[in-house]
Amino acid sequence: MRDLYQRLSLPPTASPENIRRAIYACPNRALQQDADAVLGVAEHREDYDTLHATVSDIGQLRARLGLSHGAHWQGSVANDFTYPPDAAVGQHEALIGRVSDAAMRYNRWQRLRGPWLAAVAVAAAVSVGFAAGLALCLRLSGA
């Protein structure tokens, strides 16, 4: 499907008068006939506008997914609704990034937890032993 608005350099909100002028100024005879048959009749234009919006949405979705036509399709009628791939990060990629970051932090904590836990246990045992020894010394010296 051709994007008649793009081919005639018109916005989809163009007035009927602007469309007539663009059709008249178009050098391509086949495009003139197609545009006149589709955009020149109000009922046909309404149907075309509905289809145009749907196909534009599909083209934008394809761009968001990074899909584009192969080299053999470039410049053809099938390429009218193909947009350049979108560089924006999708929600899926952002979510995967956050989960990966959380997993990395958790794994780092798990790796460090063992040595720190052992160090804390040894320090607690030494502190309890020291406190017990000090208490015993104070009791023996006070008795």
C-alpha atoms as a PDB file:
ATOM      1  CA  MET A   1       0.000   0.000   0.000  1.00  0.00           C
ATOM      2  CA  ARG A   2       1.310   3.396  -0.896  1.00  0.00           C
ATOM      3  CA  ASP A   3       1.340   6.200   1.616  1.00  0.00           C
ATOM      4  CA  LEU A   4      -0.461   8.716  -0.564  1.00  0.00           C
ATOM      5  CA  TYR A   5       0.011  11.512   1.943  1.00  0.00           C
ATOM      6  CA  GLN A   6       3.768  10.937   2.046  1.00  0.00           C
ATOM      7  CA  ARG A   7       4.011  10.626  -1.732  1.00  0.00           C
ATOM      8  CA  LEU A   8       2.083  13.889  -2.207  1.00  0.00           C
ATOM      9  CA  SER A   9       4.020  15.601   0.638  1.00  0.00           C
ATOM     10  CA  LEU A  10       0.829  16.260   2.590  1.00  0.00           C
ATOM     11  CA  PRO A  11      -0.114  15.782   6.229  1.00  0.00           C
ATOM     12  CA  PRO A  12      -3.035  13.400   6.869  1.00  0.00           C
ATOM     13  CA  THR A  13      -5.011  16.409   8.104  1.00  0.00           C
ATOM     14  CA  ALA A  14      -4.760  18.222   4.749  1.00  0.00           C
ATOM     15  CA  SER A  15      -7.872  19.962   3.493  1.00  0.00           C
ATOM     16  CA  PRO A  16      -9.645  18.718   0.347  1.00  0.00           C
ATOM     17  CA  GLU A  17      -8.456  21.850  -1.483  1.00  0.00           C
ATOM     18  CA  ASN A  18      -4.801  21.205  -0.588  1.00  0.00           C
ATOM     19  CA  ILE A  19      -5.195  17.593  -1.683  1.00  0.00           C
ATOM     20  CA  ARG A  20      -6.631  18.670  -5.066  1.00  0.00           C
ATOM     21  CA  ARG A  21      -3.711  21.069  -5.566  1.00  0.00           C
ATOM     22  CA  ALA A  22      -1.146  18.398  -4.654  1.00  0.00           C
ATOM     23  CA  ILE A  23      -2.775  15.863  -6.988  1.00  0.00           C
ATOM     24  CA  TYR A  24      -2.768  18.378  -9.835  1.00  0.00           C
ATOM     25  CA  ALA A  25       0.908  19.241  -9.206  1.00  0.00           C
ATOM     26  CA  CYS A  26       1.995  15.573  -9.006  1.00  0.00           C
ATOM     27  CA  PRO A  27       4.199  14.589 -11.985  1.00  0.00           C
ATOM     28  CA  ASN A  28       3.406  10.857 -11.694  1.00  0.00           C
ATOM     29  CA  ARG A  29       0.266  10.017 -13.690  1.00  0.00           C
ATOM     30  CA  ALA A  30      -0.428   6.699 -11.888  1.00  0.00           C
ATOM     31  CA  LEU A  31      -0.060   8.367  -8.488  1.00  0.00           C
ATOM     32  CA  GLN A  32      -2.382  11.152  -9.638  1.00  0.00           C
ATOM     33  CA  GLN A  33      -5.068   8.639 -10.587  1.00  0.00           C
ATOM     34  CA  ASP A  34      -4.709   6.643  -7.359  1.00  0.00           C
ATOM     35  CA  ALA A  35      -4.748   9.739  -5.162  1.00  0.00           C
ATOM     36  CA  ASP A  36      -7.734  11.191  -7.001  1.00  0.00           C
ATOM     37  CA  ALA A  37      -9.690   7.931  -6.683  1.00  0.00           C
ATOM     38  CA  VAL A  38      -8.838   7.464  -2.996  1.00  0.00           C
ATOM     39  CA  LEU A  39      -8.410  10.943  -1.517  1.00  0.00           C
ATOM     40  CA  GLY A  40     -10.718  12.774  -3.913  1.00  0.00           C
ATOM     41  CA  VAL A  41     -13.840  10.903  -2.726  1.00  0.00           C
ATOM     42  CA  ALA A  42     -14.870  11.633   0.865  1.00  0.00           C
ATOM     43  CA  GLU A  43     -16.056   8.070   1.686  1.00  0.00           C
ATOM     44  CA  HIS A  44     -12.931   6.527   0.175  1.00  0.00           C
ATOM     45  CA  ARG A  45     -10.738   8.977   2.082  1.00  0.00           C
ATOM     46  CA  GLU A  46     -12.382   8.044   5.400  1.00  0.00           C
ATOM     47  CA  ASP A  47     -11.700   4.350   4.750  1.00  0.00           C
ATOM     48  CA  TYR A  48      -8.153   5.124   3.614  1.00  0.00           C
ATOM     49  CA  ASP A  49      -7.486   7.255   6.722  1.00  0.00           C
ATOM     50  CA  THR A  50      -8.581   4.400   8.996  1.00  0.00           C
ATOM     51  CA  LEU A  51      -6.355   1.945   7.145  1.00  0.00           C
ATOM     52  CA  HIS A  52      -3.526   4.517   7.004  1.00  0.00           C
ATOM     53  CA  ALA A  53      -3.587   4.942  10.797  1.00  0.00           C
ATOM     54  CA  THR A  54      -3.510   1.171  11.337  1.00  0.00           C
ATOM     55  CA  VAL A  55      -0.663   0.563   8.899  1.00  0.00           C
ATOM     56  CA  SER A  56       1.284   3.506  10.390  1.00  0.00           C
ATOM     57  CA  ASP A  57       0.893   1.986  13.859  1.00  0.00           C
ATOM     58  CA  ILE A  58       2.153  -1.358  12.549  1.00  0.00           C
ATOM     59  CA  GLY A  59       5.141   0.391  10.942  1.00  0.00           C
ATOM     60  CA  GLN A  60       5.967   2.136  14.215  1.00  0.00           C
ATOM     61  CA  LEU A  61       5.641  -1.137  16.115  1.00  0.00           C
ATOM     62  CA  ARG A  62       8.024  -2.798  13.655  1.00  0.00           C
ATOM     63  CA  ALA A  63      10.485   0.060  14.187  1.00  0.00           C
ATOM     64  CA  ARG A  64      10.254  -0.333  17.988  1.00  0.00           C
ATOM     65  CA  LEU A  65      11.031  -4.036  17.561  1.00  0.00           C
ATOM     66  CA  GLY A  66      13.996  -3.239  15.309  1.00  0.00           C
ATOM     67  CA  LEU A  67      12.401  -4.847  12.252  1.00  0.00           C
ATOM     68  CA  SER A  68      12.846  -3.397   8.792  1.00  0.00           C
ATOM     69  CA  HIS A  69      12.547  -4.599   5.233  1.00  0.00           C
ATOM     70  CA  GLY A  70      15.494  -6.241   3.535  1.00  0.00           C
ATOM     71  CA  ALA A  71      17.578  -4.460   0.932  1.00  0.00           C
ATOM     72  CA  HIS A  72      15.457  -5.853  -1.920  1.00  0.00           C
ATOM     73  CA  TRP A  73      12.379  -4.049  -0.512  1.00  0.00           C
ATOM     74  CA  GLN A  74      14.027  -0.664  -0.020  1.00  0.00           C
ATOM     75  CA  GLY A  75      12.478   2.046  -2.167  1.00  0.00           C
ATOM     76  CA  SER A  76       9.462  -0.052  -3.141  1.00  0.00           C
ATOM     77  CA  VAL A  77       5.791   0.543  -2.442  1.00  0.00           C
ATOM     78  CA  ALA A  78       5.979  -1.932   0.451  1.00  0.00           C
ATOM     79  CA  ASN A  79       8.495   0.332   2.164  1.00  0.00           C
ATOM     80  CA  ASP A  80       6.223   3.378   2.547  1.00  0.00           C
ATOM     81  CA  PHE A  81       5.299   2.495   6.121  1.00  0.00           C
ATOM     82  CA  THR A  82       8.740   1.321   7.244  1.00  0.00           C
ATOM     83  CA  TYR A  83      10.413   3.630   9.724  1.00  0.00           C
ATOM     84  CA  PRO A  84      14.044   3.526  10.866  1.00  0.00           C
ATOM     85  CA  PRO A  85      14.619   1.201  13.835  1.00  0.00           C
ATOM     86  CA  ASP A  86      13.887   2.873  17.129  1.00  0.00           C
ATOM     87  CA  ALA A  87      16.888   3.359  19.410  1.00  0.00           C
ATOM     88  CA  ALA A  88      14.724   3.674  22.508  1.00  0.00           C
ATOM     89  CA  VAL A  89      15.060   0.884  25.038  1.00  0.00           C
ATOM     90  CA  GLY A  90      11.857  -1.084  25.368  1.00  0.00           C
ATOM     91  CA  GLN A  91      10.306  -1.907  28.713  1.00  0.00           C
ATOM     92  CA  HIS A  92      11.406  -5.528  28.404  1.00  0.00           C
ATOM     93  CA  GLU A  93      15.064  -4.556  28.001  1.00  0.00           C
ATOM     94  CA  ALA A  94      14.838  -2.100  30.913  1.00  0.00           C
ATOM     95  CA  LEU A  95      13.266  -4.770  33.125  1.00  0.00           C
ATOM     96  CA  ILE A  96      15.908  -7.324  32.149  1.00  0.00           C
ATOM     97  CA  GLY A  97      18.596  -4.748  33.011  1.00  0.00           C
ATOM     98  CA  ARG A  98      17.118  -4.081  36.453  1.00  0.00           C
ATOM     99  CA  VAL A  99      16.731  -7.798  37.224  1.00  0.00           C
ATOM    100  CA  SER A 100      20.307  -8.481  36.075  1.00  0.00           C
ATOM    101  CA  ASP A 101      21.592  -5.669  38.282  1.00  0.00           C
ATOM    102  CA  ALA A 102      19.668  -6.995  41.305  1.00  0.00           C
ATOM    103  CA  ALA A 103      20.939 -10.534  40.661  1.00  0.00           C
ATOM    104  CA  MET A 104      24.529  -9.270  40.419  1.00  0.00           C
ATOM    105  CA  ARG A 105      24.206  -7.392  43.714  1.00  0.00           C
ATOM    106  CA  TYR A 106      22.654 -10.432  45.411  1.00  0.00           C
ATOM    107  CA  ASN A 107      25.395 -12.724  44.119  1.00  0.00           C
ATOM    108  CA  ARG A 108      28.048 -10.291  45.323  1.00  0.00           C
ATOM    109  CA  TRP A 109      26.403 -10.214  48.771  1.00  0.00           C
ATOM    110  CA  GLN A 110      26.262 -14.013  48.844  1.00  0.00           C
ATOM    111  CA  ARG A 111      29.946 -14.231  47.921  1.00  0.00           C
ATOM    112  CA  LEU A 112      30.984 -11.749  50.605  1.00  0.00           C
ATOM    113  CA  ARG A 113      28.527 -12.951  53.236  1.00  0.00           C
ATOM    114  CA  GLY A 114      30.444 -16.161  53.987  1.00  0.00           C
ATOM    115  CA  PRO A 115      33.802 -14.551  54.949  1.00  0.00           C
ATOM    116  CA  TRP A 116      32.114 -11.692  56.823  1.00  0.00           C
ATOM    117  CA  LEU A 117      29.850 -14.062  58.692  1.00  0.00           C
ATOM    118  CA  ALA A 118      32.860 -16.173  59.735  1.00  0.00           C
ATOM    119  CA  ALA A 119      34.762 -13.032  60.793  1.00  0.00           C
ATOM    120  CA  VAL A 120      31.815 -11.813  62.859  1.00  0.00           C
ATOM    121  CA  ALA A 121      31.424 -15.256  64.485  1.00  0.00           C
ATOM    122  CA  VAL A 122      35.132 -15.353  65.397  1.00  0.00           C
ATOM    123  CA  ALA A 123      35.013 -11.781  66.705  1.00  0.00           C
ATOM    124  CA  ALA A 124      31.918 -12.595  68.782  1.00  0.00           C
ATOM    125  CA  ALA A 125      33.556 -15.729  70.186  1.00  0.00           C
ATOM    126  CA  VAL A 126      36.734 -13.807  71.058  1.00  0.00           C
ATOM    127  CA  SER A 127      34.667 -11.028  72.680  1.00  0.00           C
ATOM    128  CA  VAL A 128      32.631 -13.512  74.723  1.00  0.00           C
ATOM    129  CA  GLY A 129      35.823 -15.341  75.732  1.00  0.00           C
ATOM    130  CA  PHE A 130      37.510 -12.080  76.677  1.00  0.00           C
ATOM    131  CA  ALA A 131      34.475 -10.939  78.688  1.00  0.00           C
ATOM    132  CA  ALA A 132      34.267 -14.322  80.455  1.00  0.00           C
ATOM    133  CA  GLY A 133      37.990 -14.246  81.220  1.00  0.00           C
ATOM    134  CA  LEU A 134      37.768 -10.689  82.516  1.00  0.00           C
ATOM    135  CA  ALA A 135      34.792 -11.567  84.686  1.00  0.00           C
ATOM    136  CA  LEU A 136      36.619 -14.594  86.037  1.00  0.00           C
ATOM    137  CA  CYS A 137      39.721 -12.505  86.790  1.00  0.00           C
ATOM    138  CA  LEU A 138      37.651  -9.885  88.578  1.00  0.00           C
ATOM    139  CA  ARG A 139      35.848 -12.532  90.594  1.00  0.00           C
ATOM    140  CA  LEU A 140      39.079 -14.243  91.611  1.00  0.00           C
ATOM    141  CA  SER A 141      40.783 -11.001  92.488  1.00  0.00           C
ATOM    142  CA  GLY A 142      37.743  -9.767  94.442  1.00  0.00           C
ATOM    143  CA  ALA A 143      37.320 -12.947  96.443  1.00  0.00           C
END
